[in-house]
Amino acid sequence: LGLQQELKGTNVVAHLVLPAKTATEIWGKSGVQLSSLDPATVMSTEHCVDAAFAGLELKEQATFPSVEDYQLWLNLEDGRRALYDATQTGMPASRYHLR
């Protein structure tokens, strides 16, 4: 996300893709066999790549190939920004009774 901000205004796009379980050889290399995963939770690499390109075309800030409700990401981002803004006081929070 920071890289996306740095690239703003240029012709370069950084696209964040966050797949869940994808059928790749990385599973075997990690010590977890693909066959041990619930097949209903594993996306094919073809679907993952197609979703990533579709998300890029939609100008999504981040593409979660298996997440149906993109608003979940937007809510998380809103919460992250609000939390960051709340840290910018220079004082302990009132619940600590230190003021």
PDB file of N, CA and C in Angstrom:
ATOM      1  N   LEU A   1       0.830  -1.189   0.000  1.00  0.00           N
ATOM      2  CA  LEU A   1       0.000   0.000   0.000  1.00  0.00           C
ATOM      3  C   LEU A   1       0.872   1.249   0.000  1.00  0.00           C
ATOM      4  N   GLY A   2       1.974   1.176   0.728  1.00  0.00           N
ATOM      5  CA  GLY A   2       2.910   2.299   0.723  1.00  0.00           C
ATOM      6  C   GLY A   2       3.507   2.514  -0.648  1.00  0.00           C
ATOM      7  N   LEU A   3       3.832   1.428  -1.323  1.00  0.00           N
ATOM      8  CA  LEU A   3       4.382   1.524  -2.670  1.00  0.00           C
ATOM      9  C   LEU A   3       3.355   2.130  -3.625  1.00  0.00           C
ATOM     10  N   GLN A   4       2.098   1.772  -3.450  1.00  0.00           N
ATOM     11  CA  GLN A   4       1.055   2.362  -4.279  1.00  0.00           C
ATOM     12  C   GLN A   4       1.034   3.880  -4.108  1.00  0.00           C
ATOM     13  N   GLN A   5       1.187   4.339  -2.871  1.00  0.00           N
ATOM     14  CA  GLN A   5       1.207   5.781  -2.615  1.00  0.00           C
ATOM     15  C   GLN A   5       2.419   6.438  -3.263  1.00  0.00           C
ATOM     16  N   GLU A   6       3.563   5.775  -3.170  1.00  0.00           N
ATOM     17  CA  GLU A   6       4.785   6.329  -3.764  1.00  0.00           C
ATOM     18  C   GLU A   6       4.682   6.425  -5.281  1.00  0.00           C
ATOM     19  N   LEU A   7       3.927   5.521  -5.897  1.00  0.00           N
ATOM     20  CA  LEU A   7       3.826   5.478  -7.350  1.00  0.00           C
ATOM     21  C   LEU A   7       2.694   6.339  -7.907  1.00  0.00           C
ATOM     22  N   LYS A   8       1.912   6.926  -7.003  1.00  0.00           N
ATOM     23  CA  LYS A   8       0.793   7.768  -7.439  1.00  0.00           C
ATOM     24  C   LYS A   8       1.303   8.870  -8.354  1.00  0.00           C
ATOM     25  N   GLY A   9       0.598   9.092  -9.441  1.00  0.00           N
ATOM     26  CA  GLY A   9       0.993  10.134 -10.378  1.00  0.00           C
ATOM     27  C   GLY A   9       2.010   9.689 -11.414  1.00  0.00           C
ATOM     28  N   THR A  10       2.419   8.429 -11.354  1.00  0.00           N
ATOM     29  CA  THR A  10       3.331   7.888 -12.359  1.00  0.00           C
ATOM     30  C   THR A  10       2.541   6.951 -13.260  1.00  0.00           C
ATOM     31  N   ASN A  11       3.192   6.400 -14.241  1.00  0.00           N
ATOM     32  CA  ASN A  11       2.541   5.420 -15.116  1.00  0.00           C
ATOM     33  C   ASN A  11       2.754   3.992 -14.631  1.00  0.00           C
ATOM     34  N   VAL A  12       3.249   3.829 -13.418  1.00  0.00           N
ATOM     35  CA  VAL A  12       3.506   2.509 -12.847  1.00  0.00           C
ATOM     36  C   VAL A  12       2.404   2.192 -11.829  1.00  0.00           C
ATOM     37  N   VAL A  13       1.885   0.976 -11.905  1.00  0.00           N
ATOM     38  CA  VAL A  13       0.831   0.559 -10.995  1.00  0.00           C
ATOM     39  C   VAL A  13       1.330  -0.630 -10.171  1.00  0.00           C
ATOM     40  N   ALA A  14       1.204  -0.536  -8.865  1.00  0.00           N
ATOM     41  CA  ALA A  14       1.475  -1.668  -7.978  1.00  0.00           C
ATOM     42  C   ALA A  14       0.115  -2.233  -7.581  1.00  0.00           C
ATOM     43  N   HIS A  15      -0.119  -3.476  -7.920  1.00  0.00           N
ATOM     44  CA  HIS A  15      -1.413  -4.103  -7.646  1.00  0.00           C
ATOM     45  C   HIS A  15      -1.222  -5.186  -6.596  1.00  0.00           C
ATOM     46  N   LEU A  16      -1.937  -5.064  -5.505  1.00  0.00           N
ATOM     47  CA  LEU A  16      -1.852  -6.001  -4.397  1.00  0.00           C
ATOM     48  C   LEU A  16      -2.856  -7.130  -4.618  1.00  0.00           C
ATOM     49  N   VAL A  17      -2.368  -8.368  -4.662  1.00  0.00           N
ATOM     50  CA  VAL A  17      -3.235  -9.533  -4.824  1.00  0.00           C
ATOM     51  C   VAL A  17      -3.041 -10.420  -3.604  1.00  0.00           C
ATOM     52  N   LEU A  18      -4.132 -10.704  -2.927  1.00  0.00           N
ATOM     53  CA  LEU A  18      -4.091 -11.483  -1.696  1.00  0.00           C
ATOM     54  C   LEU A  18      -4.961 -12.726  -1.821  1.00  0.00           C
ATOM     55  N   PRO A  19      -4.443 -13.757  -2.466  1.00  0.00           N
ATOM     56  CA  PRO A  19      -5.233 -14.983  -2.589  1.00  0.00           C
ATOM     57  C   PRO A  19      -5.224 -15.751  -1.270  1.00  0.00           C
ATOM     58  N   ALA A  20      -6.204 -16.557  -1.111  1.00  0.00           N
ATOM     59  CA  ALA A  20      -6.197 -17.473   0.038  1.00  0.00           C
ATOM     60  C   ALA A  20      -5.430 -18.713  -0.414  1.00  0.00           C
ATOM     61  N   LYS A  21      -6.021 -19.866  -0.311  1.00  0.00           N
ATOM     62  CA  LYS A  21      -5.326 -21.080  -0.745  1.00  0.00           C
ATOM     63  C   LYS A  21      -5.422 -21.217  -2.257  1.00  0.00           C
ATOM     64  N   THR A  22      -4.273 -21.339  -2.904  1.00  0.00           N
ATOM     65  CA  THR A  22      -4.210 -21.504  -4.347  1.00  0.00           C
ATOM     66  C   THR A  22      -3.419 -22.768  -4.649  1.00  0.00           C
ATOM     67  N   ALA A  23      -3.853 -23.511  -5.623  1.00  0.00           N
ATOM     68  CA  ALA A  23      -3.228 -24.792  -5.972  1.00  0.00           C
ATOM     69  C   ALA A  23      -1.887 -24.555  -6.666  1.00  0.00           C
ATOM     70  N   THR A  24      -0.825 -24.450  -5.875  1.00  0.00           N
ATOM     71  CA  THR A  24       0.532 -24.299  -6.411  1.00  0.00           C
ATOM     72  C   THR A  24       1.465 -25.269  -5.694  1.00  0.00           C
ATOM     73  N   GLU A  25       2.664 -25.379  -6.218  1.00  0.00           N
ATOM     74  CA  GLU A  25       3.653 -26.294  -5.634  1.00  0.00           C
ATOM     75  C   GLU A  25       4.207 -25.806  -4.298  1.00  0.00           C
ATOM     76  N   ILE A  26       3.898 -24.573  -3.933  1.00  0.00           N
ATOM     77  CA  ILE A  26       4.421 -24.026  -2.667  1.00  0.00           C
ATOM     78  C   ILE A  26       3.954 -24.854  -1.471  1.00  0.00           C
ATOM     79  N   TRP A  27       2.780 -25.458  -1.577  1.00  0.00           N
ATOM     80  CA  TRP A  27       2.265 -26.256  -0.460  1.00  0.00           C
ATOM     81  C   TRP A  27       3.208 -27.405  -0.125  1.00  0.00           C
ATOM     82  N   GLY A  28       3.616 -28.158  -1.107  1.00  0.00           N
ATOM     83  CA  GLY A  28       4.521 -29.275  -0.859  1.00  0.00           C
ATOM     84  C   GLY A  28       5.853 -28.814  -0.308  1.00  0.00           C
ATOM     85  N   LYS A  29       6.350 -27.682  -0.800  1.00  0.00           N
ATOM     86  CA  LYS A  29       7.628 -27.149  -0.316  1.00  0.00           C
ATOM     87  C   LYS A  29       7.530 -26.651   1.115  1.00  0.00           C
ATOM     88  N   SER A  30       6.309 -26.295   1.535  1.00  0.00           N
ATOM     89  CA  SER A  30       6.123 -25.801   2.903  1.00  0.00           C
ATOM     90  C   SER A  30       5.908 -26.934   3.900  1.00  0.00           C
ATOM     91  N   GLY A  31       5.800 -28.151   3.385  1.00  0.00           N
ATOM     92  CA  GLY A  31       5.573 -29.291   4.265  1.00  0.00           C
ATOM     93  C   GLY A  31       4.103 -29.667   4.391  1.00  0.00           C
ATOM     94  N   VAL A  32       3.233 -28.899   3.750  1.00  0.00           N
ATOM     95  CA  VAL A  32       1.803 -29.200   3.752  1.00  0.00           C
ATOM     96  C   VAL A  32       1.439 -29.688   2.356  1.00  0.00           C
ATOM     97  N   GLN A  33       0.880 -30.869   2.281  1.00  0.00           N
ATOM     98  CA  GLN A  33       0.501 -31.417   0.982  1.00  0.00           C
ATOM     99  C   GLN A  33      -0.825 -30.808   0.526  1.00  0.00           C
ATOM    100  N   LEU A  34      -0.872 -30.399  -0.717  1.00  0.00           N
ATOM    101  CA  LEU A  34      -2.089 -29.834  -1.291  1.00  0.00           C
ATOM    102  C   LEU A  34      -3.265 -30.785  -1.099  1.00  0.00           C
ATOM    103  N   SER A  35      -2.993 -32.060  -1.203  1.00  0.00           N
ATOM    104  CA  SER A  35      -4.049 -33.070  -1.059  1.00  0.00           C
ATOM    105  C   SER A  35      -4.637 -33.112   0.353  1.00  0.00           C
ATOM    106  N   SER A  36      -3.939 -32.525   1.329  1.00  0.00           N
ATOM    107  CA  SER A  36      -4.448 -32.521   2.704  1.00  0.00           C
ATOM    108  C   SER A  36      -5.416 -31.364   2.959  1.00  0.00           C
ATOM    109  N   LEU A  37      -5.521 -30.439   2.002  1.00  0.00           N
ATOM    110  CA  LEU A  37      -6.407 -29.292   2.159  1.00  0.00           C
ATOM    111  C   LEU A  37      -7.805 -29.620   1.652  1.00  0.00           C
ATOM    112  N   ASP A  38      -8.790 -28.976   2.225  1.00  0.00           N
ATOM    113  CA  ASP A  38     -10.165 -29.143   1.764  1.00  0.00           C
ATOM    114  C   ASP A  38     -10.260 -28.579   0.344  1.00  0.00           C
ATOM    115  N   PRO A  39     -10.543 -29.410  -0.650  1.00  0.00           N
ATOM    116  CA  PRO A  39     -10.575 -28.939  -2.035  1.00  0.00           C
ATOM    117  C   PRO A  39     -11.550 -27.783  -2.267  1.00  0.00           C
ATOM    118  N   ALA A  40     -12.585 -27.685  -1.449  1.00  0.00           N
ATOM    119  CA  ALA A  40     -13.564 -26.606  -1.599  1.00  0.00           C
ATOM    120  C   ALA A  40     -12.976 -25.245  -1.236  1.00  0.00           C
ATOM    121  N   THR A  41     -11.806 -25.245  -0.571  1.00  0.00           N
ATOM    122  CA  THR A  41     -11.195 -23.983  -0.143  1.00  0.00           C
ATOM    123  C   THR A  41      -9.978 -23.606  -0.979  1.00  0.00           C
ATOM    124  N   VAL A  42      -9.668 -24.406  -1.992  1.00  0.00           N
ATOM    125  CA  VAL A  42      -8.465 -24.183  -2.795  1.00  0.00           C
ATOM    126  C   VAL A  42      -8.861 -23.676  -4.189  1.00  0.00           C
ATOM    127  N   MET A  43      -8.306 -22.525  -4.573  1.00  0.00           N
ATOM    128  CA  MET A  43      -8.595 -21.934  -5.881  1.00  0.00           C
ATOM    129  C   MET A  43      -7.559 -22.415  -6.889  1.00  0.00           C
ATOM    130  N   SER A  44      -7.996 -22.609  -8.117  1.00  0.00           N
ATOM    131  CA  SER A  44      -7.044 -22.963  -9.169  1.00  0.00           C
ATOM    132  C   SER A  44      -6.181 -21.740  -9.481  1.00  0.00           C
ATOM    133  N   THR A  45      -4.984 -21.983  -9.975  1.00  0.00           N
ATOM    134  CA  THR A  45      -4.105 -20.864 -10.334  1.00  0.00           C
ATOM    135  C   THR A  45      -4.726 -20.055 -11.463  1.00  0.00           C
ATOM    136  N   GLU A  46      -5.433 -20.730 -12.370  1.00  0.00           N
ATOM    137  CA  GLU A  46      -6.070 -20.019 -13.481  1.00  0.00           C
ATOM    138  C   GLU A  46      -7.099 -19.010 -12.964  1.00  0.00           C
ATOM    139  N   HIS A  47      -7.942 -19.446 -12.028  1.00  0.00           N
ATOM    140  CA  HIS A  47      -8.941 -18.537 -11.469  1.00  0.00           C
ATOM    141  C   HIS A  47      -8.277 -17.405 -10.699  1.00  0.00           C
ATOM    142  N   CYS A  48      -7.228 -17.714  -9.967  1.00  0.00           N
ATOM    143  CA  CYS A  48      -6.522 -16.688  -9.194  1.00  0.00           C
ATOM    144  C   CYS A  48      -5.943 -15.611 -10.116  1.00  0.00           C
ATOM    145  N   VAL A  49      -5.276 -16.031 -11.165  1.00  0.00           N
ATOM    146  CA  VAL A  49      -4.671 -15.085 -12.107  1.00  0.00           C
ATOM    147  C   VAL A  49      -5.749 -14.287 -12.835  1.00  0.00           C
ATOM    148  N   ASP A  50      -6.815 -14.954 -13.260  1.00  0.00           N
ATOM    149  CA  ASP A  50      -7.900 -14.247 -13.944  1.00  0.00           C
ATOM    150  C   ASP A  50      -8.528 -13.195 -13.022  1.00  0.00           C
ATOM    151  N   ALA A  51      -8.736 -13.549 -11.758  1.00  0.00           N
ATOM    152  CA  ALA A  51      -9.311 -12.597 -10.798  1.00  0.00           C
ATOM    153  C   ALA A  51      -8.352 -11.435 -10.554  1.00  0.00           C
ATOM    154  N   ALA A  52      -7.053 -11.724 -10.491  1.00  0.00           N
ATOM    155  CA  ALA A  52      -6.059 -10.661 -10.281  1.00  0.00           C
ATOM    156  C   ALA A  52      -6.102  -9.656 -11.430  1.00  0.00           C
ATOM    157  N   PHE A  53      -6.173 -10.141 -12.667  1.00  0.00           N
ATOM    158  CA  PHE A  53      -6.247  -9.235 -13.814  1.00  0.00           C
ATOM    159  C   PHE A  53      -7.573  -8.469 -13.832  1.00  0.00           C
ATOM    160  N   ALA A  54      -8.652  -9.135 -13.448  1.00  0.00           N
ATOM    161  CA  ALA A  54      -9.950  -8.452 -13.392  1.00  0.00           C
ATOM    162  C   ALA A  54      -9.926  -7.361 -12.326  1.00  0.00           C
ATOM    163  N   GLY A  55      -9.318  -7.645 -11.180  1.00  0.00           N
ATOM    164  CA  GLY A  55      -9.196  -6.637 -10.129  1.00  0.00           C
ATOM    165  C   GLY A  55      -8.354  -5.454 -10.569  1.00  0.00           C
ATOM    166  N   LEU A  56      -7.300  -5.730 -11.302  1.00  0.00           N
ATOM    167  CA  LEU A  56      -6.453  -4.662 -11.839  1.00  0.00           C
ATOM    168  C   LEU A  56      -7.271  -3.790 -12.794  1.00  0.00           C
ATOM    169  N   GLU A  57      -8.046  -4.436 -13.659  1.00  0.00           N
ATOM    170  CA  GLU A  57      -8.887  -3.703 -14.611  1.00  0.00           C
ATOM    171  C   GLU A  57      -9.933  -2.853 -13.890  1.00  0.00           C
ATOM    172  N   LEU A  58     -10.454  -3.367 -12.762  1.00  0.00           N
ATOM    173  CA  LEU A  58     -11.436  -2.627 -11.967  1.00  0.00           C
ATOM    174  C   LEU A  58     -10.788  -1.530 -11.116  1.00  0.00           C
ATOM    175  N   LYS A  59      -9.451  -1.466 -11.160  1.00  0.00           N
ATOM    176  CA  LYS A  59      -8.680  -0.492 -10.382  1.00  0.00           C
ATOM    177  C   LYS A  59      -8.858  -0.681  -8.874  1.00  0.00           C
ATOM    178  N   GLU A  60      -9.018  -1.974  -8.479  1.00  0.00           N
ATOM    179  CA  GLU A  60      -9.075  -2.272  -7.050  1.00  0.00           C
ATOM    180  C   GLU A  60      -7.717  -1.977  -6.432  1.00  0.00           C
ATOM    181  N   GLN A  61      -7.719  -1.422  -5.233  1.00  0.00           N
ATOM    182  CA  GLN A  61      -6.467  -1.188  -4.528  1.00  0.00           C
ATOM    183  C   GLN A  61      -5.832  -2.521  -4.143  1.00  0.00           C
ATOM    184  N   ALA A  62      -6.672  -3.448  -3.759  1.00  0.00           N
ATOM    185  CA  ALA A  62      -6.225  -4.794  -3.403  1.00  0.00           C
ATOM    186  C   ALA A  62      -7.265  -5.774  -3.930  1.00  0.00           C
ATOM    187  N   THR A  63      -6.800  -6.878  -4.483  1.00  0.00           N
ATOM    188  CA  THR A  63      -7.701  -7.909  -4.991  1.00  0.00           C
ATOM    189  C   THR A  63      -7.596  -9.133  -4.097  1.00  0.00           C
ATOM    190  N   PHE A  64      -8.736  -9.531  -3.566  1.00  0.00           N
ATOM    191  CA  PHE A  64      -8.865 -10.760  -2.794  1.00  0.00           C
ATOM    192  C   PHE A  64      -9.683 -11.700  -3.675  1.00  0.00           C
ATOM    193  N   PRO A  65      -9.038 -12.569  -4.450  1.00  0.00           N
ATOM    194  CA  PRO A  65      -9.751 -13.348  -5.456  1.00  0.00           C
ATOM    195  C   PRO A  65     -10.958 -14.141  -4.955  1.00  0.00           C
ATOM    196  N   SER A  66     -10.936 -14.602  -3.722  1.00  0.00           N
ATOM    197  CA  SER A  66     -12.038 -15.440  -3.244  1.00  0.00           C
ATOM    198  C   SER A  66     -13.051 -14.688  -2.388  1.00  0.00           C
ATOM    199  N   VAL A  67     -12.838 -13.400  -2.144  1.00  0.00           N
ATOM    200  CA  VAL A  67     -13.751 -12.645  -1.277  1.00  0.00           C
ATOM    201  C   VAL A  67     -14.854 -12.016  -2.121  1.00  0.00           C
ATOM    202  N   GLU A  68     -16.076 -12.418  -1.866  1.00  0.00           N
ATOM    203  CA  GLU A  68     -17.228 -11.929  -2.625  1.00  0.00           C
ATOM    204  C   GLU A  68     -17.530 -10.461  -2.326  1.00  0.00           C
ATOM    205  N   ASP A  69     -17.463 -10.078  -1.059  1.00  0.00           N
ATOM    206  CA  ASP A  69     -17.886  -8.739  -0.639  1.00  0.00           C
ATOM    207  C   ASP A  69     -16.671  -7.816  -0.499  1.00  0.00           C
ATOM    208  N   TYR A  70     -16.375  -7.041  -1.537  1.00  0.00           N
ATOM    209  CA  TYR A  70     -15.216  -6.131  -1.520  1.00  0.00           C
ATOM    210  C   TYR A  70     -15.351  -5.061  -0.439  1.00  0.00           C
ATOM    211  N   GLN A  71     -16.581  -4.805  -0.009  1.00  0.00           N
ATOM    212  CA  GLN A  71     -16.798  -3.810   1.044  1.00  0.00           C
ATOM    213  C   GLN A  71     -16.070  -4.198   2.335  1.00  0.00           C
ATOM    214  N   LEU A  72     -15.843  -5.480   2.565  1.00  0.00           N
ATOM    215  CA  LEU A  72     -15.091  -5.913   3.745  1.00  0.00           C
ATOM    216  C   LEU A  72     -13.705  -5.273   3.750  1.00  0.00           C
ATOM    217  N   TRP A  73     -13.043  -5.238   2.585  1.00  0.00           N
ATOM    218  CA  TRP A  73     -11.729  -4.602   2.468  1.00  0.00           C
ATOM    219  C   TRP A  73     -11.843  -3.104   2.717  1.00  0.00           C
ATOM    220  N   LEU A  74     -12.848  -2.483   2.117  1.00  0.00           N
ATOM    221  CA  LEU A  74     -13.014  -1.044   2.284  1.00  0.00           C
ATOM    222  C   LEU A  74     -13.266  -0.692   3.745  1.00  0.00           C
ATOM    223  N   ASN A  75     -14.044  -1.516   4.443  1.00  0.00           N
ATOM    224  CA  ASN A  75     -14.286  -1.291   5.869  1.00  0.00           C
ATOM    225  C   ASN A  75     -12.996  -1.414   6.668  1.00  0.00           C
ATOM    226  N   LEU A  76     -12.189  -2.414   6.341  1.00  0.00           N
ATOM    227  CA  LEU A  76     -10.916  -2.596   7.028  1.00  0.00           C
ATOM    228  C   LEU A  76     -10.010  -1.387   6.811  1.00  0.00           C
ATOM    229  N   GLU A  77      -9.946  -0.897   5.581  1.00  0.00           N
ATOM    230  CA  GLU A  77      -9.122   0.266   5.272  1.00  0.00           C
ATOM    231  C   GLU A  77      -9.619   1.501   6.020  1.00  0.00           C
ATOM    232  N   ASP A  78     -10.930   1.685   6.085  1.00  0.00           N
ATOM    233  CA  ASP A  78     -11.482   2.819   6.838  1.00  0.00           C
ATOM    234  C   ASP A  78     -11.092   2.719   8.305  1.00  0.00           C
ATOM    235  N   GLY A  79     -11.183   1.512   8.853  1.00  0.00           N
ATOM    236  CA  GLY A  79     -10.801   1.307  10.249  1.00  0.00           C
ATOM    237  C   GLY A  79      -9.313   1.545  10.477  1.00  0.00           C
ATOM    238  N   ARG A  80      -8.487   1.099   9.532  1.00  0.00           N
ATOM    239  CA  ARG A  80      -7.042   1.301   9.647  1.00  0.00           C
ATOM    240  C   ARG A  80      -6.707   2.786   9.639  1.00  0.00           C
ATOM    241  N   ARG A  81      -7.347   3.526   8.744  1.00  0.00           N
ATOM    242  CA  ARG A  81      -7.090   4.975   8.682  1.00  0.00           C
ATOM    243  C   ARG A  81      -7.559   5.668   9.948  1.00  0.00           C
ATOM    244  N   ALA A  82      -8.721   5.281  10.458  1.00  0.00           N
ATOM    245  CA  ALA A  82      -9.236   5.873  11.691  1.00  0.00           C
ATOM    246  C   ALA A  82      -8.306   5.564  12.862  1.00  0.00           C
ATOM    247  N   LEU A  83      -7.805   4.334  12.923  1.00  0.00           N
ATOM    248  CA  LEU A  83      -6.882   3.966  13.985  1.00  0.00           C
ATOM    249  C   LEU A  83      -5.598   4.778  13.883  1.00  0.00           C
ATOM    250  N   TYR A  84      -5.062   4.929  12.677  1.00  0.00           N
ATOM    251  CA  TYR A  84      -3.857   5.744  12.495  1.00  0.00           C
ATOM    252  C   TYR A  84      -4.117   7.174  12.960  1.00  0.00           C
ATOM    253  N   ASP A  85      -5.219   7.751  12.534  1.00  0.00           N
ATOM    254  CA  ASP A  85      -5.542   9.123  12.937  1.00  0.00           C
ATOM    255  C   ASP A  85      -5.631   9.239  14.457  1.00  0.00           C
ATOM    256  N   ALA A  86      -6.175   8.217  15.112  1.00  0.00           N
ATOM    257  CA  ALA A  86      -6.327   8.238  16.569  1.00  0.00           C
ATOM    258  C   ALA A  86      -4.987   8.174  17.296  1.00  0.00           C
ATOM    259  N   THR A  87      -3.940   7.727  16.608  1.00  0.00           N
ATOM    260  CA  THR A  87      -2.621   7.651  17.265  1.00  0.00           C
ATOM    261  C   THR A  87      -1.893   8.985  17.250  1.00  0.00           C
ATOM    262  N   GLN A  88      -2.406   9.965  16.549  1.00  0.00           N
ATOM    263  CA  GLN A  88      -1.678  11.209  16.319  1.00  0.00           C
ATOM    264  C   GLN A  88      -1.985  12.294  17.355  1.00  0.00           C
ATOM    265  N   THR A  89      -1.951  11.940  18.634  1.00  0.00           N
ATOM    266  CA  THR A  89      -2.282  12.914  19.677  1.00  0.00           C
ATOM    267  C   THR A  89      -1.084  13.326  20.527  1.00  0.00           C
ATOM    268  N   GLY A  90      -0.096  12.465  20.639  1.00  0.00           N
ATOM    269  CA  GLY A  90       1.051  12.779  21.491  1.00  0.00           C
ATOM    270  C   GLY A  90       0.780  12.632  22.974  1.00  0.00           C
ATOM    271  N   MET A  91      -0.384  12.137  23.328  1.00  0.00           N
ATOM    272  CA  MET A  91      -0.757  11.980  24.740  1.00  0.00           C
ATOM    273  C   MET A  91      -1.309  10.576  24.976  1.00  0.00           C
ATOM    274  N   PRO A  92      -1.140  10.047  26.214  1.00  0.00           N
ATOM    275  CA  PRO A  92      -1.753   8.755  26.522  1.00  0.00           C
ATOM    276  C   PRO A  92      -3.281   8.875  26.467  1.00  0.00           C
ATOM    277  N   ALA A  93      -3.941   7.813  26.101  1.00  0.00           N
ATOM    278  CA  ALA A  93      -5.403   7.793  26.073  1.00  0.00           C
ATOM    279  C   ALA A  93      -5.965   8.008  27.471  1.00  0.00           C
ATOM    280  N   SER A  94      -7.135   8.619  27.528  1.00  0.00           N
ATOM    281  CA  SER A  94      -7.733   8.965  28.829  1.00  0.00           C
ATOM    282  C   SER A  94      -8.016   7.742  29.687  1.00  0.00           C
ATOM    283  N   ARG A  95      -8.200   6.581  29.104  1.00  0.00           N
ATOM    284  CA  ARG A  95      -8.488   5.379  29.910  1.00  0.00           C
ATOM    285  C   ARG A  95      -7.325   4.988  30.811  1.00  0.00           C
ATOM    286  N   TYR A  96      -6.149   5.536  30.555  1.00  0.00           N
ATOM    287  CA  TYR A  96      -4.984   5.227  31.385  1.00  0.00           C
ATOM    288  C   TYR A  96      -4.868   6.190  32.570  1.00  0.00           C
ATOM    289  N   HIS A  97      -5.691   7.200  32.617  1.00  0.00           N
ATOM    290  CA  HIS A  97      -5.743   8.165  33.745  1.00  0.00           C
ATOM    291  C   HIS A  97      -4.372   8.758  34.047  1.00  0.00           C
ATOM    292  N   LEU A  98      -3.656   9.154  33.010  1.00  0.00           N
ATOM    293  CA  LEU A  98      -2.311   9.720  33.184  1.00  0.00           C
ATOM    294  C   LEU A  98      -2.254  11.212  32.880  1.00  0.00           C
ATOM    295  N   ARG A  99      -3.309  11.817  32.530  1.00  0.00           N
ATOM    296  CA  ARG A  99      -3.300  13.243  32.153  1.00  0.00           C
ATOM    297  C   ARG A  99      -3.393  14.129  33.352  1.00  0.00           C
TER     298      ARG A  99
END
